[in-house]
Amino acid sequence: MRPVVVCLVLRCTFSLWAFGLWACGPSIPTRYVIEHDLDALSYRRYQRVLDVELPVEGNAAVGHTATYVRRSDEANVPYVNAFVTVYDHAPGLAAEIRAHLDSLASYQFSVVDIEGGRAFALDGGPSDRWWLWVSANRVVKIGGTADEALVRRVISAYMGMYPSDLDEHGRAREGTPSAGHAASREPAREEGLDLPQSLRGSSEGESSGGEAAP
């Protein structure tokens, strides 16, 4: 093969490879959460959690959490928590999560458009608001005590990595990885949404039974 032809082939191959990287968007972090500062929010800690808040029978999962705080002289430091739960299987996951939400006793929820995607807005009263969505085999949940502009900044960053599968009715869009029927009619946990300890406060020393980052 002539040198010119070889050069053209290599250029085309590299161009396709580079385009593929661009088309895939931001890469997913090794530990699934963003481990750096986000504007005015300082990244504070990572935890791996085995006691996930939305268990699905027959679909094992591991949670990954990150905490971001806003530097403040106040006694109660404003924070945002991000919780990414990674399940073994994507098909039917959106329906399973919707079944859990339908059973909630302590939260009101609605489907909202936020930061380029759709999410469930969970409202449990003052200082207890969360946004949750399904992306393939992952469920992302974000909330905290920081003002909504900072919470939305975190949502935007995670929505960019984990595009929502949800439609305007809170069900998986046709053709998305999490589409399909729930394996069972009843959710695994019916008494309401009990937050893991890792999402209940902003203290760095708090433990949820997970593995803290070194």
C-alpha atoms as a PDB file:
ATOM      1  CA  MET A   1       0.000   0.000   0.000  1.00  0.00           C
ATOM      2  CA  ARG A   2       1.359   3.401  -0.931  1.00  0.00           C
ATOM      3  CA  PRO A   3       2.435   5.742   1.892  1.00  0.00           C
ATOM      4  CA  VAL A   4      -0.166   8.360   0.899  1.00  0.00           C
ATOM      5  CA  VAL A   5      -2.991   5.807   1.080  1.00  0.00           C
ATOM      6  CA  VAL A   6      -1.756   4.531   4.451  1.00  0.00           C
ATOM      7  CA  CYS A   7      -1.707   8.084   5.758  1.00  0.00           C
ATOM      8  CA  LEU A   8      -5.272   8.724   4.600  1.00  0.00           C
ATOM      9  CA  VAL A   9      -6.490   5.489   6.189  1.00  0.00           C
ATOM     10  CA  LEU A  10      -4.844   6.370   9.495  1.00  0.00           C
ATOM     11  CA  ARG A  11      -6.302   9.875   9.411  1.00  0.00           C
ATOM     12  CA  CYS A  12      -9.817   8.532   8.771  1.00  0.00           C
ATOM     13  CA  THR A  13      -9.468   5.963  11.551  1.00  0.00           C
ATOM     14  CA  PHE A  14      -8.288   8.595  14.017  1.00  0.00           C
ATOM     15  CA  SER A  15     -11.087  10.975  13.004  1.00  0.00           C
ATOM     16  CA  LEU A  16     -13.755   8.313  13.562  1.00  0.00           C
ATOM     17  CA  TRP A  17     -12.239   7.402  16.916  1.00  0.00           C
ATOM     18  CA  ALA A  18     -12.137  11.041  18.024  1.00  0.00           C
ATOM     19  CA  PHE A  19     -15.712  11.598  16.849  1.00  0.00           C
ATOM     20  CA  GLY A  20     -16.822   8.554  18.811  1.00  0.00           C
ATOM     21  CA  LEU A  21     -15.295   9.950  21.981  1.00  0.00           C
ATOM     22  CA  TRP A  22     -17.037  13.281  21.439  1.00  0.00           C
ATOM     23  CA  ALA A  23     -20.387  11.663  20.658  1.00  0.00           C
ATOM     24  CA  CYS A  24     -20.308   9.620  23.862  1.00  0.00           C
ATOM     25  CA  GLY A  25     -20.147  12.794  25.942  1.00  0.00           C
ATOM     26  CA  PRO A  26     -18.443  13.035  29.332  1.00  0.00           C
ATOM     27  CA  SER A  27     -16.904   9.782  30.506  1.00  0.00           C
ATOM     28  CA  ILE A  28     -18.252   8.127  33.637  1.00  0.00           C
ATOM     29  CA  PRO A  29     -15.836   8.399  36.597  1.00  0.00           C
ATOM     30  CA  THR A  30     -14.261   5.231  37.953  1.00  0.00           C
ATOM     31  CA  ARG A  31     -16.185   5.637  41.221  1.00  0.00           C
ATOM     32  CA  TYR A  32     -19.307   7.008  39.468  1.00  0.00           C
ATOM     33  CA  VAL A  33     -19.397  10.362  41.271  1.00  0.00           C
ATOM     34  CA  ILE A  34     -17.694  13.682  40.555  1.00  0.00           C
ATOM     35  CA  GLU A  35     -14.691  13.998  42.849  1.00  0.00           C
ATOM     36  CA  HIS A  36     -13.787  17.641  42.399  1.00  0.00           C
ATOM     37  CA  ASP A  37     -15.199  21.072  43.242  1.00  0.00           C
ATOM     38  CA  LEU A  38     -18.239  22.361  41.372  1.00  0.00           C
ATOM     39  CA  ASP A  39     -18.120  26.148  41.209  1.00  0.00           C
ATOM     40  CA  ALA A  40     -18.848  27.473  44.721  1.00  0.00           C
ATOM     41  CA  LEU A  41     -19.240  23.962  46.100  1.00  0.00           C
ATOM     42  CA  SER A  42     -16.199  22.159  47.489  1.00  0.00           C
ATOM     43  CA  TYR A  43     -15.971  18.397  47.050  1.00  0.00           C
ATOM     44  CA  ARG A  44     -15.639  16.823  50.459  1.00  0.00           C
ATOM     45  CA  ARG A  45     -15.920  13.032  50.502  1.00  0.00           C
ATOM     46  CA  TYR A  46     -16.761   9.763  48.745  1.00  0.00           C
ATOM     47  CA  GLN A  47     -18.472   6.701  50.192  1.00  0.00           C
ATOM     48  CA  ARG A  48     -19.345   3.296  48.777  1.00  0.00           C
ATOM     49  CA  VAL A  49     -22.664   2.063  50.172  1.00  0.00           C
ATOM     50  CA  LEU A  50     -24.008  -1.491  50.091  1.00  0.00           C
ATOM     51  CA  ASP A  51     -27.288  -0.647  51.831  1.00  0.00           C
ATOM     52  CA  VAL A  52     -28.989   1.008  48.848  1.00  0.00           C
ATOM     53  CA  GLU A  53     -32.226   2.907  49.415  1.00  0.00           C
ATOM     54  CA  LEU A  54     -34.155   1.470  46.442  1.00  0.00           C
ATOM     55  CA  PRO A  55     -33.412  -2.265  46.350  1.00  0.00           C
ATOM     56  CA  VAL A  56     -34.741  -4.274  43.408  1.00  0.00           C
ATOM     57  CA  GLU A  57     -35.232  -7.978  43.902  1.00  0.00           C
ATOM     58  CA  GLY A  58     -32.964  -9.981  41.607  1.00  0.00           C
ATOM     59  CA  ASN A  59     -31.000  -6.905  40.586  1.00  0.00           C
ATOM     60  CA  ALA A  60     -28.045  -6.325  42.901  1.00  0.00           C
ATOM     61  CA  ALA A  61     -26.806  -2.772  43.355  1.00  0.00           C
ATOM     62  CA  VAL A  62     -24.051  -0.704  44.940  1.00  0.00           C
ATOM     63  CA  GLY A  63     -24.358   2.945  45.895  1.00  0.00           C
ATOM     64  CA  HIS A  64     -21.726   5.646  45.456  1.00  0.00           C
ATOM     65  CA  THR A  65     -22.093   8.966  47.251  1.00  0.00           C
ATOM     66  CA  ALA A  66     -20.365  12.316  47.134  1.00  0.00           C
ATOM     67  CA  THR A  67     -20.813  15.352  49.366  1.00  0.00           C
ATOM     68  CA  TYR A  68     -20.224  18.953  48.294  1.00  0.00           C
ATOM     69  CA  VAL A  69     -20.223  21.861  50.755  1.00  0.00           C
ATOM     70  CA  ARG A  70     -20.300  25.624  50.436  1.00  0.00           C
ATOM     71  CA  ARG A  71     -17.713  27.324  52.598  1.00  0.00           C
ATOM     72  CA  SER A  72     -19.539  29.286  55.250  1.00  0.00           C
ATOM     73  CA  ASP A  73     -19.092  30.773  58.706  1.00  0.00           C
ATOM     74  CA  GLU A  74     -22.533  29.505  59.670  1.00  0.00           C
ATOM     75  CA  ALA A  75     -22.901  26.748  62.234  1.00  0.00           C
ATOM     76  CA  ASN A  76     -24.806  24.597  59.719  1.00  0.00           C
ATOM     77  CA  VAL A  77     -22.727  24.373  56.534  1.00  0.00           C
ATOM     78  CA  PRO A  78     -24.889  24.220  53.375  1.00  0.00           C
ATOM     79  CA  TYR A  79     -24.273  21.015  51.441  1.00  0.00           C
ATOM     80  CA  VAL A  80     -25.405  18.985  48.424  1.00  0.00           C
ATOM     81  CA  ASN A  81     -25.338  15.191  48.338  1.00  0.00           C
ATOM     82  CA  ALA A  82     -25.182  13.100  45.178  1.00  0.00           C
ATOM     83  CA  PHE A  83     -26.047   9.402  45.281  1.00  0.00           C
ATOM     84  CA  VAL A  84     -25.468   7.189  42.242  1.00  0.00           C
ATOM     85  CA  THR A  85     -26.820   3.647  42.608  1.00  0.00           C
ATOM     86  CA  VAL A  86     -25.457   1.205  40.045  1.00  0.00           C
ATOM     87  CA  TYR A  87     -27.567  -1.902  39.351  1.00  0.00           C
ATOM     88  CA  ASP A  88     -26.465  -5.085  37.623  1.00  0.00           C
ATOM     89  CA  HIS A  89     -29.201  -4.863  34.978  1.00  0.00           C
ATOM     90  CA  ALA A  90     -30.899  -1.952  33.201  1.00  0.00           C
ATOM     91  CA  PRO A  91     -34.038  -3.480  31.560  1.00  0.00           C
ATOM     92  CA  GLY A  92     -37.173  -2.694  33.558  1.00  0.00           C
ATOM     93  CA  LEU A  93     -35.294  -0.538  36.082  1.00  0.00           C
ATOM     94  CA  ALA A  94     -37.336   2.616  35.437  1.00  0.00           C
ATOM     95  CA  ALA A  95     -40.577   0.707  36.108  1.00  0.00           C
ATOM     96  CA  GLU A  96     -39.148  -0.759  39.311  1.00  0.00           C
ATOM     97  CA  ILE A  97     -38.111   2.671  40.574  1.00  0.00           C
ATOM     98  CA  ARG A  98     -41.501   4.151  39.640  1.00  0.00           C
ATOM     99  CA  ALA A  99     -43.158   1.350  41.665  1.00  0.00           C
ATOM    100  CA  HIS A 100     -41.071   2.340  44.683  1.00  0.00           C
ATOM    101  CA  LEU A 101     -42.028   5.991  44.325  1.00  0.00           C
ATOM    102  CA  ASP A 102     -45.718   5.153  43.967  1.00  0.00           C
ATOM    103  CA  SER A 103     -45.535   3.500  47.391  1.00  0.00           C
ATOM    104  CA  LEU A 104     -43.966   6.433  49.230  1.00  0.00           C
ATOM    105  CA  ALA A 105     -45.791   7.569  52.335  1.00  0.00           C
ATOM    106  CA  SER A 106     -43.583  10.497  53.362  1.00  0.00           C
ATOM    107  CA  TYR A 107     -42.842  12.141  50.004  1.00  0.00           C
ATOM    108  CA  GLN A 108     -44.890  13.818  47.307  1.00  0.00           C
ATOM    109  CA  PHE A 109     -43.368  13.481  43.848  1.00  0.00           C
ATOM    110  CA  SER A 110     -43.832  14.893  40.384  1.00  0.00           C
ATOM    111  CA  VAL A 111     -42.011  14.714  37.058  1.00  0.00           C
ATOM    112  CA  VAL A 112     -40.105  17.879  36.125  1.00  0.00           C
ATOM    113  CA  ASP A 113     -37.840  19.104  33.348  1.00  0.00           C
ATOM    114  CA  ILE A 114     -34.552  20.143  34.909  1.00  0.00           C
ATOM    115  CA  GLU A 115     -31.080  20.882  33.526  1.00  0.00           C
ATOM    116  CA  GLY A 116     -31.652  19.213  30.166  1.00  0.00           C
ATOM    117  CA  GLY A 117     -33.483  16.089  31.323  1.00  0.00           C
ATOM    118  CA  ARG A 118     -36.486  14.793  33.240  1.00  0.00           C
ATOM    119  CA  ALA A 119     -36.429  13.793  36.885  1.00  0.00           C
ATOM    120  CA  PHE A 120     -38.726  12.986  39.763  1.00  0.00           C
ATOM    121  CA  ALA A 121     -38.926  15.893  42.207  1.00  0.00           C
ATOM    122  CA  LEU A 122     -39.393  14.467  45.717  1.00  0.00           C
ATOM    123  CA  ASP A 123     -40.809  16.820  48.329  1.00  0.00           C
ATOM    124  CA  GLY A 124     -40.739  15.753  51.963  1.00  0.00           C
ATOM    125  CA  GLY A 125     -41.105  19.243  53.405  1.00  0.00           C
ATOM    126  CA  PRO A 126     -38.654  22.073  54.175  1.00  0.00           C
ATOM    127  CA  SER A 127     -34.997  21.089  53.677  1.00  0.00           C
ATOM    128  CA  ASP A 128     -36.076  17.675  52.427  1.00  0.00           C
ATOM    129  CA  ARG A 129     -36.258  18.006  48.646  1.00  0.00           C
ATOM    130  CA  TRP A 130     -34.559  15.666  46.178  1.00  0.00           C
ATOM    131  CA  TRP A 131     -34.339  15.100  42.443  1.00  0.00           C
ATOM    132  CA  LEU A 132     -34.054  11.549  41.141  1.00  0.00           C
ATOM    133  CA  TRP A 133     -33.809   9.993  37.689  1.00  0.00           C
ATOM    134  CA  VAL A 134     -32.945   6.721  35.941  1.00  0.00           C
ATOM    135  CA  SER A 135     -30.129   6.488  33.401  1.00  0.00           C
ATOM    136  CA  ALA A 136     -29.563   3.002  31.959  1.00  0.00           C
ATOM    137  CA  ASN A 137     -28.624   0.796  34.952  1.00  0.00           C
ATOM    138  CA  ARG A 138     -28.069   3.753  37.275  1.00  0.00           C
ATOM    139  CA  VAL A 139     -30.319   5.807  39.517  1.00  0.00           C
ATOM    140  CA  VAL A 140     -29.092   9.301  40.374  1.00  0.00           C
ATOM    141  CA  LYS A 141     -30.444  11.208  43.367  1.00  0.00           C
ATOM    142  CA  ILE A 142     -29.378  14.723  44.352  1.00  0.00           C
ATOM    143  CA  GLY A 143     -30.445  17.104  47.110  1.00  0.00           C
ATOM    144  CA  GLY A 144     -29.290  18.960  50.174  1.00  0.00           C
ATOM    145  CA  THR A 145     -29.516  22.124  52.229  1.00  0.00           C
ATOM    146  CA  ALA A 146     -27.678  24.473  49.864  1.00  0.00           C
ATOM    147  CA  ASP A 147     -29.778  26.945  47.906  1.00  0.00           C
ATOM    148  CA  GLU A 148     -31.492  25.614  44.799  1.00  0.00           C
ATOM    149  CA  ALA A 149     -29.092  27.319  42.386  1.00  0.00           C
ATOM    150  CA  LEU A 150     -26.206  25.272  43.821  1.00  0.00           C
ATOM    151  CA  VAL A 151     -28.273  22.086  43.858  1.00  0.00           C
ATOM    152  CA  ARG A 152     -29.144  22.656  40.206  1.00  0.00           C
ATOM    153  CA  ARG A 153     -25.431  23.103  39.415  1.00  0.00           C
ATOM    154  CA  VAL A 154     -24.791  19.609  40.744  1.00  0.00           C
ATOM    155  CA  ILE A 155     -27.832  18.231  38.913  1.00  0.00           C
ATOM    156  CA  SER A 156     -26.545  19.763  35.672  1.00  0.00           C
ATOM    157  CA  ALA A 157     -23.134  18.132  36.085  1.00  0.00           C
ATOM    158  CA  TYR A 158     -24.623  14.702  36.765  1.00  0.00           C
ATOM    159  CA  MET A 159     -27.297  14.989  34.090  1.00  0.00           C
ATOM    160  CA  GLY A 160     -24.484  15.582  31.606  1.00  0.00           C
ATOM    161  CA  MET A 161     -22.865  12.279  32.585  1.00  0.00           C
ATOM    162  CA  TYR A 162     -26.066  10.331  33.185  1.00  0.00           C
ATOM    163  CA  PRO A 163     -28.741  11.417  30.669  1.00  0.00           C
ATOM    164  CA  SER A 164     -32.236  10.703  31.942  1.00  0.00           C
ATOM    165  CA  ASP A 165     -34.223   7.844  30.380  1.00  0.00           C
ATOM    166  CA  LEU A 166     -37.510   9.302  31.660  1.00  0.00           C
ATOM    167  CA  ASP A 167     -40.359  10.723  29.601  1.00  0.00           C
ATOM    168  CA  GLU A 168     -42.859  13.364  30.696  1.00  0.00           C
ATOM    169  CA  HIS A 169     -44.856  10.720  32.592  1.00  0.00           C
ATOM    170  CA  GLY A 170     -41.884   9.417  34.579  1.00  0.00           C
ATOM    171  CA  ARG A 171     -41.543   6.234  32.544  1.00  0.00           C
ATOM    172  CA  ALA A 172     -38.624   5.092  30.417  1.00  0.00           C
ATOM    173  CA  ARG A 173     -38.703   6.394  26.865  1.00  0.00           C
ATOM    174  CA  GLU A 174     -39.037   3.734  24.227  1.00  0.00           C
ATOM    175  CA  GLY A 175     -35.642   2.374  23.217  1.00  0.00           C
ATOM    176  CA  THR A 176     -33.803   3.517  26.341  1.00  0.00           C
ATOM    177  CA  PRO A 177     -31.823   0.884  28.309  1.00  0.00           C
ATOM    178  CA  SER A 178     -34.094   0.988  31.385  1.00  0.00           C
ATOM    179  CA  ALA A 179     -37.329   0.467  29.436  1.00  0.00           C
ATOM    180  CA  GLY A 180     -39.425  -2.605  30.159  1.00  0.00           C
ATOM    181  CA  HIS A 181     -41.841  -3.948  32.746  1.00  0.00           C
ATOM    182  CA  ALA A 182     -41.087  -4.324  36.439  1.00  0.00           C
ATOM    183  CA  ALA A 183     -40.284  -7.894  37.402  1.00  0.00           C
ATOM    184  CA  SER A 184     -42.817  -7.733  40.237  1.00  0.00           C
ATOM    185  CA  ARG A 185     -45.878  -5.618  40.920  1.00  0.00           C
ATOM    186  CA  GLU A 186     -44.864  -4.748  44.467  1.00  0.00           C
ATOM    187  CA  PRO A 187     -41.662  -2.808  45.344  1.00  0.00           C
ATOM    188  CA  ALA A 188     -39.176  -4.439  47.680  1.00  0.00           C
ATOM    189  CA  ARG A 189     -39.670  -1.694  50.293  1.00  0.00           C
ATOM    190  CA  GLU A 190     -43.178  -0.383  50.948  1.00  0.00           C
ATOM    191  CA  GLU A 191     -42.907   1.609  54.155  1.00  0.00           C
ATOM    192  CA  GLY A 192     -41.576   4.697  52.424  1.00  0.00           C
ATOM    193  CA  LEU A 193     -38.222   6.019  51.345  1.00  0.00           C
ATOM    194  CA  ASP A 194     -35.741   5.666  54.194  1.00  0.00           C
ATOM    195  CA  LEU A 195     -32.604   7.629  53.376  1.00  0.00           C
ATOM    196  CA  PRO A 196     -29.289   5.898  54.030  1.00  0.00           C
ATOM    197  CA  GLN A 197     -27.332   7.524  56.842  1.00  0.00           C
ATOM    198  CA  SER A 198     -24.891   8.939  54.281  1.00  0.00           C
ATOM    199  CA  LEU A 199     -27.626  11.255  52.968  1.00  0.00           C
ATOM    200  CA  ARG A 200     -28.999  12.411  56.322  1.00  0.00           C
ATOM    201  CA  GLY A 201     -26.377  15.037  57.160  1.00  0.00           C
ATOM    202  CA  SER A 202     -23.317  16.924  56.048  1.00  0.00           C
ATOM    203  CA  SER A 203     -20.864  15.863  58.763  1.00  0.00           C
ATOM    204  CA  GLU A 204     -17.700  14.353  57.317  1.00  0.00           C
ATOM    205  CA  GLY A 205     -17.385  11.864  60.136  1.00  0.00           C
ATOM    206  CA  GLU A 206     -20.804  10.370  59.469  1.00  0.00           C
ATOM    207  CA  SER A 207     -20.862   6.725  58.422  1.00  0.00           C
ATOM    208  CA  SER A 208     -23.450   4.680  56.547  1.00  0.00           C
ATOM    209  CA  GLY A 209     -21.846   1.301  56.800  1.00  0.00           C
ATOM    210  CA  GLY A 210     -20.121   1.921  53.483  1.00  0.00           C
ATOM    211  CA  GLU A 211     -16.437   2.219  52.711  1.00  0.00           C
ATOM    212  CA  ALA A 212     -15.045   5.697  53.097  1.00  0.00           C
ATOM    213  CA  ALA A 213     -12.488   6.928  50.619  1.00  0.00           C
ATOM    214  CA  PRO A 214      -8.879   6.752  51.786  1.00  0.00           C
END
